[in-house]
Amino acid sequence: MYVEELVDGTRTQTGAFCTYGCLAAHIEHEGLATGTTCRVEFE
C-alpha cells in the first residue's frame, strides 16, 4: 500500500506499507490523525 500527499499541488509518494495494520500502527504512533480530516478524490 502506498500513501500519497499533495505537495505544492502535486501528488507525492510519502510512504509504503506492507499491510493496513502497518499503516494503522504508523498513523497511531506518529499521531497523524489528531486534528486532521480526510479527503478522498476519485478520478
Foldseek 3Di string as FASTA:
>chain_A
DWDWDQDVNDTDTDDDDPDVVRVVVVCVVVVVVPPDDDDDDDD
